[in-house]
């Protein structure tokens, strides 16, 4: 997990371009989702974190976003994850 405030913009762009980072999350709400989710674009920089994989997000106690990851969210909500 990478905190947005602890990574430079250049390093972040490089990791995004190389496909190393695939998901973003809100560290306070413990929710993760896709990088192009409209819900995630409005969060504060100090609350934003990035993940290398969905497994990493789940291992850190985050849940899927109900807006951009509906199937994963419903699985999580129903106890399948």
PDB file of N, CA and C in Angstrom:
ATOM      1  N   UNK A   1       0.849  -1.171   0.000  1.00  0.00           N
ATOM      2  CA  UNK A   1       0.000   0.000   0.000  1.00  0.00           C
ATOM      3  C   UNK A   1       0.898   1.238   0.000  1.00  0.00           C
ATOM      4  N   UNK A   2       0.582   2.160  -0.871  1.00  0.00           N
ATOM      5  CA  UNK A   2       1.356   3.400  -0.984  1.00  0.00           C
ATOM      6  C   UNK A   2       0.444   4.565  -0.627  1.00  0.00           C
ATOM      7  N   UNK A   3       0.860   5.397   0.328  1.00  0.00           N
ATOM      8  CA  UNK A   3       0.095   6.588   0.662  1.00  0.00           C
ATOM      9  C   UNK A   3       0.418   7.684  -0.343  1.00  0.00           C
ATOM     10  N   UNK A   4      -0.603   8.355  -0.847  1.00  0.00           N
ATOM     11  CA  UNK A   4      -0.424   9.368  -1.883  1.00  0.00           C
ATOM     12  C   UNK A   4       0.495  10.490  -1.417  1.00  0.00           C
ATOM     13  N   UNK A   5       0.377  10.897  -0.179  1.00  0.00           N
ATOM     14  CA  UNK A   5       1.192  12.002   0.308  1.00  0.00           C
ATOM     15  C   UNK A   5       2.659  11.622   0.503  1.00  0.00           C
ATOM     16  N   UNK A   6       2.976  10.322   0.428  1.00  0.00           N
ATOM     17  CA  UNK A   6       4.363   9.886   0.635  1.00  0.00           C
ATOM     18  C   UNK A   6       5.056   9.470  -0.660  1.00  0.00           C
ATOM     19  N   UNK A   7       4.448   9.771  -1.805  1.00  0.00           N
ATOM     20  CA  UNK A   7       5.047   9.433  -3.085  1.00  0.00           C
ATOM     21  C   UNK A   7       5.045  10.692  -3.953  1.00  0.00           C
ATOM     22  N   UNK A   8       6.123  10.897  -4.683  1.00  0.00           N
ATOM     23  CA  UNK A   8       6.184  12.077  -5.545  1.00  0.00           C
ATOM     24  C   UNK A   8       5.269  11.889  -6.754  1.00  0.00           C
ATOM     25  N   UNK A   9       4.849  12.998  -7.331  1.00  0.00           N
ATOM     26  CA  UNK A   9       3.979  12.931  -8.504  1.00  0.00           C
ATOM     27  C   UNK A   9       4.658  12.211  -9.668  1.00  0.00           C
ATOM     28  N   UNK A  10       5.957  12.423  -9.826  1.00  0.00           N
ATOM     29  CA  UNK A  10       6.709  11.773 -10.907  1.00  0.00           C
ATOM     30  C   UNK A  10       6.750  10.264 -10.704  1.00  0.00           C
ATOM     31  N   UNK A  11       7.046   9.844  -9.489  1.00  0.00           N
ATOM     32  CA  UNK A  11       7.105   8.411  -9.189  1.00  0.00           C
ATOM     33  C   UNK A  11       5.727   7.763  -9.352  1.00  0.00           C
ATOM     34  N   UNK A  12       4.690   8.485  -8.939  1.00  0.00           N
ATOM     35  CA  UNK A  12       3.322   7.978  -9.079  1.00  0.00           C
ATOM     36  C   UNK A  12       2.968   7.803 -10.554  1.00  0.00           C
ATOM     37  N   UNK A  13       3.270   8.800 -11.378  1.00  0.00           N
ATOM     38  CA  UNK A  13       2.989   8.696 -12.821  1.00  0.00           C
ATOM     39  C   UNK A  13       3.717   7.513 -13.445  1.00  0.00           C
ATOM     40  N   UNK A  14       4.961   7.293 -13.038  1.00  0.00           N
ATOM     41  CA  UNK A  14       5.744   6.174 -13.561  1.00  0.00           C
ATOM     42  C   UNK A  14       5.102   4.842 -13.193  1.00  0.00           C
ATOM     43  N   UNK A  15       4.700   4.703 -11.941  1.00  0.00           N
ATOM     44  CA  UNK A  15       4.070   3.453 -11.496  1.00  0.00           C
ATOM     45  C   UNK A  15       2.728   3.222 -12.193  1.00  0.00           C
ATOM     46  N   UNK A  16       1.975   4.283 -12.412  1.00  0.00           N
ATOM     47  CA  UNK A  16       0.706   4.160 -13.133  1.00  0.00           C
ATOM     48  C   UNK A  16       0.939   3.765 -14.583  1.00  0.00           C
ATOM     49  N   UNK A  17       1.911   4.409 -15.223  1.00  0.00           N
ATOM     50  CA  UNK A  17       2.223   4.135 -16.625  1.00  0.00           C
ATOM     51  C   UNK A  17       2.705   2.698 -16.817  1.00  0.00           C
ATOM     52  N   UNK A  18       3.478   2.191 -15.865  1.00  0.00           N
ATOM     53  CA  UNK A  18       4.006   0.830 -15.942  1.00  0.00           C
ATOM     54  C   UNK A  18       2.995  -0.225 -15.490  1.00  0.00           C
ATOM     55  N   UNK A  19       1.822   0.211 -15.041  1.00  0.00           N
ATOM     56  CA  UNK A  19       0.794  -0.730 -14.603  1.00  0.00           C
ATOM     57  C   UNK A  19       1.055  -1.349 -13.250  1.00  0.00           C
ATOM     58  N   UNK A  20       1.959  -0.771 -12.474  1.00  0.00           N
ATOM     59  CA  UNK A  20       2.270  -1.317 -11.151  1.00  0.00           C
ATOM     60  C   UNK A  20       1.134  -1.054 -10.167  1.00  0.00           C
ATOM     61  N   UNK A  21       0.485   0.098 -10.286  1.00  0.00           N
ATOM     62  CA  UNK A  21      -0.625   0.461  -9.410  1.00  0.00           C
ATOM     63  C   UNK A  21      -1.912   0.247 -10.189  1.00  0.00           C
ATOM     64  N   UNK A  22      -2.830  -0.522  -9.606  1.00  0.00           N
ATOM     65  CA  UNK A  22      -4.065  -0.800 -10.344  1.00  0.00           C
ATOM     66  C   UNK A  22      -5.324  -0.366  -9.608  1.00  0.00           C
ATOM     67  N   UNK A  23      -5.224  -0.058  -8.316  1.00  0.00           N
ATOM     68  CA  UNK A  23      -6.395   0.337  -7.533  1.00  0.00           C
ATOM     69  C   UNK A  23      -6.052   1.479  -6.596  1.00  0.00           C
ATOM     70  N   UNK A  24      -7.056   2.258  -6.241  1.00  0.00           N
ATOM     71  CA  UNK A  24      -6.893   3.334  -5.271  1.00  0.00           C
ATOM     72  C   UNK A  24      -7.872   3.133  -4.137  1.00  0.00           C
ATOM     73  N   UNK A  25      -7.606   3.773  -3.011  1.00  0.00           N
ATOM     74  CA  UNK A  25      -8.505   3.613  -1.882  1.00  0.00           C
ATOM     75  C   UNK A  25      -8.512   4.815  -0.967  1.00  0.00           C
ATOM     76  N   UNK A  26      -9.485   4.821  -0.076  1.00  0.00           N
ATOM     77  CA  UNK A  26      -9.591   5.852   0.948  1.00  0.00           C
ATOM     78  C   UNK A  26      -9.176   5.227   2.266  1.00  0.00           C
ATOM     79  N   UNK A  27      -8.089   5.720   2.814  1.00  0.00           N
ATOM     80  CA  UNK A  27      -7.500   5.114   4.002  1.00  0.00           C
ATOM     81  C   UNK A  27      -8.385   5.293   5.228  1.00  0.00           C
ATOM     82  N   UNK A  28      -9.144   6.375   5.318  1.00  0.00           N
ATOM     83  CA  UNK A  28     -10.028   6.594   6.468  1.00  0.00           C
ATOM     84  C   UNK A  28     -11.282   5.731   6.394  1.00  0.00           C
ATOM     85  N   UNK A  29     -11.871   5.617   5.203  1.00  0.00           N
ATOM     86  CA  UNK A  29     -13.099   4.845   5.041  1.00  0.00           C
ATOM     87  C   UNK A  29     -12.850   3.362   4.794  1.00  0.00           C
ATOM     88  N   UNK A  30     -11.579   3.014   4.476  1.00  0.00           N
ATOM     89  CA  UNK A  30     -11.187   1.627   4.198  1.00  0.00           C
ATOM     90  C   UNK A  30     -11.954   1.051   3.004  1.00  0.00           C
ATOM     91  N   UNK A  31     -12.067   1.857   1.926  1.00  0.00           N
ATOM     92  CA  UNK A  31     -12.733   1.446   0.693  1.00  0.00           C
ATOM     93  C   UNK A  31     -11.725   1.540  -0.441  1.00  0.00           C
ATOM     94  N   UNK A  32     -11.710   0.553  -1.343  1.00  0.00           N
ATOM     95  CA  UNK A  32     -10.853   0.622  -2.520  1.00  0.00           C
ATOM     96  C   UNK A  32     -11.694   0.487  -3.779  1.00  0.00           C
ATOM     97  N   UNK A  33     -11.158   1.014  -4.882  1.00  0.00           N
ATOM     98  CA  UNK A  33     -11.871   0.934  -6.153  1.00  0.00           C
ATOM     99  C   UNK A  33     -10.937   1.196  -7.320  1.00  0.00           C
ATOM    100  N   UNK A  34     -11.530   1.298  -8.499  1.00  0.00           N
ATOM    101  CA  UNK A  34     -10.737   1.535  -9.704  1.00  0.00           C
ATOM    102  C   UNK A  34     -10.185   2.960  -9.690  1.00  0.00           C
ATOM    103  N   UNK A  35      -9.148   3.183 -10.459  1.00  0.00           N
ATOM    104  CA  UNK A  35      -8.508   4.493 -10.480  1.00  0.00           C
ATOM    105  C   UNK A  35      -9.354   5.551 -11.181  1.00  0.00           C
ATOM    106  N   UNK A  36     -10.311   5.133 -11.998  1.00  0.00           N
ATOM    107  CA  UNK A  36     -11.142   6.113 -12.701  1.00  0.00           C
ATOM    108  C   UNK A  36     -12.529   6.269 -12.073  1.00  0.00           C
ATOM    109  N   UNK A  37     -12.710   5.798 -10.867  1.00  0.00           N
ATOM    110  CA  UNK A  37     -14.000   5.908 -10.168  1.00  0.00           C
ATOM    111  C   UNK A  37     -14.270   7.369  -9.806  1.00  0.00           C
ATOM    112  N   UNK A  38     -15.460   7.835 -10.121  1.00  0.00           N
ATOM    113  CA  UNK A  38     -15.792   9.227  -9.824  1.00  0.00           C
ATOM    114  C   UNK A  38     -15.841   9.487  -8.316  1.00  0.00           C
ATOM    115  N   UNK A  39     -16.185   8.494  -7.529  1.00  0.00           N
ATOM    116  CA  UNK A  39     -16.210   8.660  -6.068  1.00  0.00           C
ATOM    117  C   UNK A  39     -14.802   8.892  -5.524  1.00  0.00           C
ATOM    118  N   UNK A  40     -13.841   8.220  -6.077  1.00  0.00           N
ATOM    119  CA  UNK A  40     -12.471   8.333  -5.592  1.00  0.00           C
ATOM    120  C   UNK A  40     -11.757   9.604  -5.997  1.00  0.00           C
ATOM    121  N   UNK A  41     -12.197  10.225  -7.064  1.00  0.00           N
ATOM    122  CA  UNK A  41     -11.510  11.423  -7.557  1.00  0.00           C
ATOM    123  C   UNK A  41     -11.694  12.627  -6.652  1.00  0.00           C
ATOM    124  N   UNK A  42     -12.701  12.613  -5.788  1.00  0.00           N
ATOM    125  CA  UNK A  42     -12.962  13.775  -4.937  1.00  0.00           C
ATOM    126  C   UNK A  42     -12.331  13.679  -3.551  1.00  0.00           C
ATOM    127  N   UNK A  43     -11.671  12.569  -3.238  1.00  0.00           N
ATOM    128  CA  UNK A  43     -11.109  12.430  -1.891  1.00  0.00           C
ATOM    129  C   UNK A  43      -9.844  13.263  -1.720  1.00  0.00           C
ATOM    130  N   UNK A  44      -9.557  13.583  -0.479  1.00  0.00           N
ATOM    131  CA  UNK A  44      -8.377  14.366  -0.153  1.00  0.00           C
ATOM    132  C   UNK A  44      -7.117  13.536  -0.377  1.00  0.00           C
ATOM    133  N   UNK A  45      -6.052  14.209  -0.762  1.00  0.00           N
ATOM    134  CA  UNK A  45      -4.781  13.545  -1.033  1.00  0.00           C
ATOM    135  C   UNK A  45      -4.277  12.765   0.185  1.00  0.00           C
ATOM    136  N   UNK A  46      -4.444  13.326   1.383  1.00  0.00           N
ATOM    137  CA  UNK A  46      -3.928  12.653   2.582  1.00  0.00           C
ATOM    138  C   UNK A  46      -4.698  11.381   2.927  1.00  0.00           C
ATOM    139  N   UNK A  47      -5.894  11.211   2.357  1.00  0.00           N
ATOM    140  CA  UNK A  47      -6.675   9.997   2.596  1.00  0.00           C
ATOM    141  C   UNK A  47      -6.491   8.949   1.505  1.00  0.00           C
ATOM    142  N   UNK A  48      -5.869   9.317   0.389  1.00  0.00           N
ATOM    143  CA  UNK A  48      -5.757   8.430  -0.770  1.00  0.00           C
ATOM    144  C   UNK A  48      -4.561   7.483  -0.639  1.00  0.00           C
ATOM    145  N   UNK A  49      -4.815   6.218  -0.933  1.00  0.00           N
ATOM    146  CA  UNK A  49      -3.756   5.205  -0.967  1.00  0.00           C
ATOM    147  C   UNK A  49      -3.880   4.434  -2.282  1.00  0.00           C
ATOM    148  N   UNK A  50      -2.806   3.770  -2.656  1.00  0.00           N
ATOM    149  CA  UNK A  50      -2.782   2.995  -3.894  1.00  0.00           C
ATOM    150  C   UNK A  50      -2.369   1.559  -3.587  1.00  0.00           C
ATOM    151  N   UNK A  51      -2.912   0.635  -4.393  1.00  0.00           N
ATOM    152  CA  UNK A  51      -2.619  -0.787  -4.203  1.00  0.00           C
ATOM    153  C   UNK A  51      -2.091  -1.399  -5.493  1.00  0.00           C
ATOM    154  N   UNK A  52      -1.258  -2.406  -5.331  1.00  0.00           N
ATOM    155  CA  UNK A  52      -0.711  -3.148  -6.466  1.00  0.00           C
ATOM    156  C   UNK A  52      -1.688  -4.218  -6.949  1.00  0.00           C
ATOM    157  N   UNK A  53      -2.600  -4.652  -6.055  1.00  0.00           N
ATOM    158  CA  UNK A  53      -3.557  -5.700  -6.426  1.00  0.00           C
ATOM    159  C   UNK A  53      -4.776  -5.643  -5.508  1.00  0.00           C
ATOM    160  N   UNK A  54      -5.819  -6.326  -5.922  1.00  0.00           N
ATOM    161  CA  UNK A  54      -7.026  -6.418  -5.104  1.00  0.00           C
ATOM    162  C   UNK A  54      -6.745  -7.210  -3.826  1.00  0.00           C
ATOM    163  N   UNK A  55      -5.926  -8.240  -3.926  1.00  0.00           N
ATOM    164  CA  UNK A  55      -5.556  -9.032  -2.744  1.00  0.00           C
ATOM    165  C   UNK A  55      -4.878  -8.165  -1.688  1.00  0.00           C
ATOM    166  N   UNK A  56      -4.004  -7.267  -2.141  1.00  0.00           N
ATOM    167  CA  UNK A  56      -3.316  -6.379  -1.205  1.00  0.00           C
ATOM    168  C   UNK A  56      -4.317  -5.485  -0.469  1.00  0.00           C
ATOM    169  N   UNK A  57      -5.306  -4.961  -1.192  1.00  0.00           N
ATOM    170  CA  UNK A  57      -6.331  -4.111  -0.576  1.00  0.00           C
ATOM    171  C   UNK A  57      -7.123  -4.896   0.467  1.00  0.00           C
ATOM    172  N   UNK A  58      -7.527  -6.102   0.116  1.00  0.00           N
ATOM    173  CA  UNK A  58      -8.298  -6.932   1.043  1.00  0.00           C
ATOM    174  C   UNK A  58      -7.468  -7.302   2.277  1.00  0.00           C
ATOM    175  N   UNK A  59      -6.198  -7.608   2.080  1.00  0.00           N
ATOM    176  CA  UNK A  59      -5.321  -7.971   3.204  1.00  0.00           C
ATOM    177  C   UNK A  59      -5.128  -6.803   4.168  1.00  0.00           C
ATOM    178  N   UNK A  60      -5.266  -5.576   3.646  1.00  0.00           N
ATOM    179  CA  UNK A  60      -5.133  -4.391   4.489  1.00  0.00           C
ATOM    180  C   UNK A  60      -6.462  -3.965   5.108  1.00  0.00           C
ATOM    181  N   UNK A  61      -7.497  -4.791   4.958  1.00  0.00           N
ATOM    182  CA  UNK A  61      -8.772  -4.535   5.601  1.00  0.00           C
ATOM    183  C   UNK A  61      -9.701  -3.590   4.856  1.00  0.00           C
ATOM    184  N   UNK A  62      -9.457  -3.377   3.570  1.00  0.00           N
ATOM    185  CA  UNK A  62     -10.309  -2.503   2.764  1.00  0.00           C
ATOM    186  C   UNK A  62     -11.425  -3.316   2.122  1.00  0.00           C
ATOM    187  N   UNK A  63     -12.541  -2.655   1.833  1.00  0.00           N
ATOM    188  CA  UNK A  63     -13.658  -3.301   1.149  1.00  0.00           C
ATOM    189  C   UNK A  63     -13.825  -2.683  -0.236  1.00  0.00           C
ATOM    190  N   UNK A  64     -14.432  -3.427  -1.167  1.00  0.00           N
ATOM    191  CA  UNK A  64     -14.644  -2.901  -2.520  1.00  0.00           C
ATOM    192  C   UNK A  64     -15.644  -1.743  -2.534  1.00  0.00           C
ATOM    193  N   UNK A  65     -15.474  -0.841  -3.482  1.00  0.00           N
ATOM    194  CA  UNK A  65     -16.372   0.299  -3.687  1.00  0.00           C
ATOM    195  C   UNK A  65     -17.692  -0.201  -4.281  1.00  0.00           C
ATOM    196  N   UNK A  66     -18.789   0.262  -3.732  1.00  0.00           N
ATOM    197  CA  UNK A  66     -20.101  -0.126  -4.232  1.00  0.00           C
ATOM    198  C   UNK A  66     -20.472   0.567  -5.526  1.00  0.00           C
ATOM    199  N   UNK A  67     -19.724   1.602  -5.897  1.00  0.00           N
ATOM    200  CA  UNK A  67     -20.019   2.360  -7.110  1.00  0.00           C
ATOM    201  C   UNK A  67     -19.329   1.775  -8.333  1.00  0.00           C
ATOM    202  N   UNK A  68     -18.037   1.567  -8.265  1.00  0.00           N
ATOM    203  CA  UNK A  68     -17.277   1.135  -9.450  1.00  0.00           C
ATOM    204  C   UNK A  68     -16.980  -0.366  -9.475  1.00  0.00           C
ATOM    205  N   UNK A  69     -17.182  -1.057  -8.362  1.00  0.00           N
ATOM    206  CA  UNK A  69     -16.896  -2.493  -8.282  1.00  0.00           C
ATOM    207  C   UNK A  69     -18.107  -3.210  -7.699  1.00  0.00           C
ATOM    208  N   UNK A  70     -19.242  -3.073  -8.363  1.00  0.00           N
ATOM    209  CA  UNK A  70     -20.517  -3.564  -7.824  1.00  0.00           C
ATOM    210  C   UNK A  70     -20.508  -5.063  -7.524  1.00  0.00           C
ATOM    211  N   UNK A  71     -19.989  -5.865  -8.443  1.00  0.00           N
ATOM    212  CA  UNK A  71     -19.976  -7.315  -8.233  1.00  0.00           C
ATOM    213  C   UNK A  71     -19.129  -7.688  -7.024  1.00  0.00           C
ATOM    214  N   UNK A  72     -17.920  -7.139  -6.945  1.00  0.00           N
ATOM    215  CA  UNK A  72     -17.037  -7.428  -5.814  1.00  0.00           C
ATOM    216  C   UNK A  72     -17.651  -6.925  -4.504  1.00  0.00           C
ATOM    217  N   UNK A  73     -18.301  -5.745  -4.570  1.00  0.00           N
ATOM    218  CA  UNK A  73     -18.944  -5.191  -3.378  1.00  0.00           C
ATOM    219  C   UNK A  73     -20.062  -6.118  -2.888  1.00  0.00           C
ATOM    220  N   UNK A  74     -20.912  -6.590  -3.805  1.00  0.00           N
ATOM    221  CA  UNK A  74     -22.001  -7.484  -3.410  1.00  0.00           C
ATOM    222  C   UNK A  74     -21.471  -8.795  -2.841  1.00  0.00           C
ATOM    223  N   UNK A  75     -20.388  -9.309  -3.415  1.00  0.00           N
ATOM    224  CA  UNK A  75     -19.755 -10.518  -2.868  1.00  0.00           C
ATOM    225  C   UNK A  75     -19.241 -10.253  -1.458  1.00  0.00           C
ATOM    226  N   UNK A  76     -18.605  -9.098  -1.263  1.00  0.00           N
ATOM    227  CA  UNK A  76     -18.084  -8.736   0.064  1.00  0.00           C
ATOM    228  C   UNK A  76     -19.249  -8.593   1.046  1.00  0.00           C
ATOM    229  N   UNK A  77     -20.290  -7.892   0.633  1.00  0.00           N
ATOM    230  CA  UNK A  77     -21.443  -7.636   1.495  1.00  0.00           C
ATOM    231  C   UNK A  77     -22.137  -8.922   1.920  1.00  0.00           C
ATOM    232  N   UNK A  78     -22.184  -9.883   1.014  1.00  0.00           N
ATOM    233  CA  UNK A  78     -22.848 -11.169   1.287  1.00  0.00           C
ATOM    234  C   UNK A  78     -21.907 -12.191   1.933  1.00  0.00           C
ATOM    235  N   UNK A  79     -20.679 -11.790   2.228  1.00  0.00           N
ATOM    236  CA  UNK A  79     -19.751 -12.644   2.947  1.00  0.00           C
ATOM    237  C   UNK A  79     -19.000 -13.650   2.096  1.00  0.00           C
ATOM    238  N   UNK A  80     -18.948 -13.425   0.775  1.00  0.00           N
ATOM    239  CA  UNK A  80     -18.231 -14.347  -0.094  1.00  0.00           C
ATOM    240  C   UNK A  80     -16.741 -14.041  -0.192  1.00  0.00           C
ATOM    241  N   UNK A  81     -16.336 -12.879   0.294  1.00  0.00           N
ATOM    242  CA  UNK A  81     -14.911 -12.521   0.255  1.00  0.00           C
ATOM    243  C   UNK A  81     -14.364 -12.651   1.657  1.00  0.00           C
TER     244      UNK A  81
END
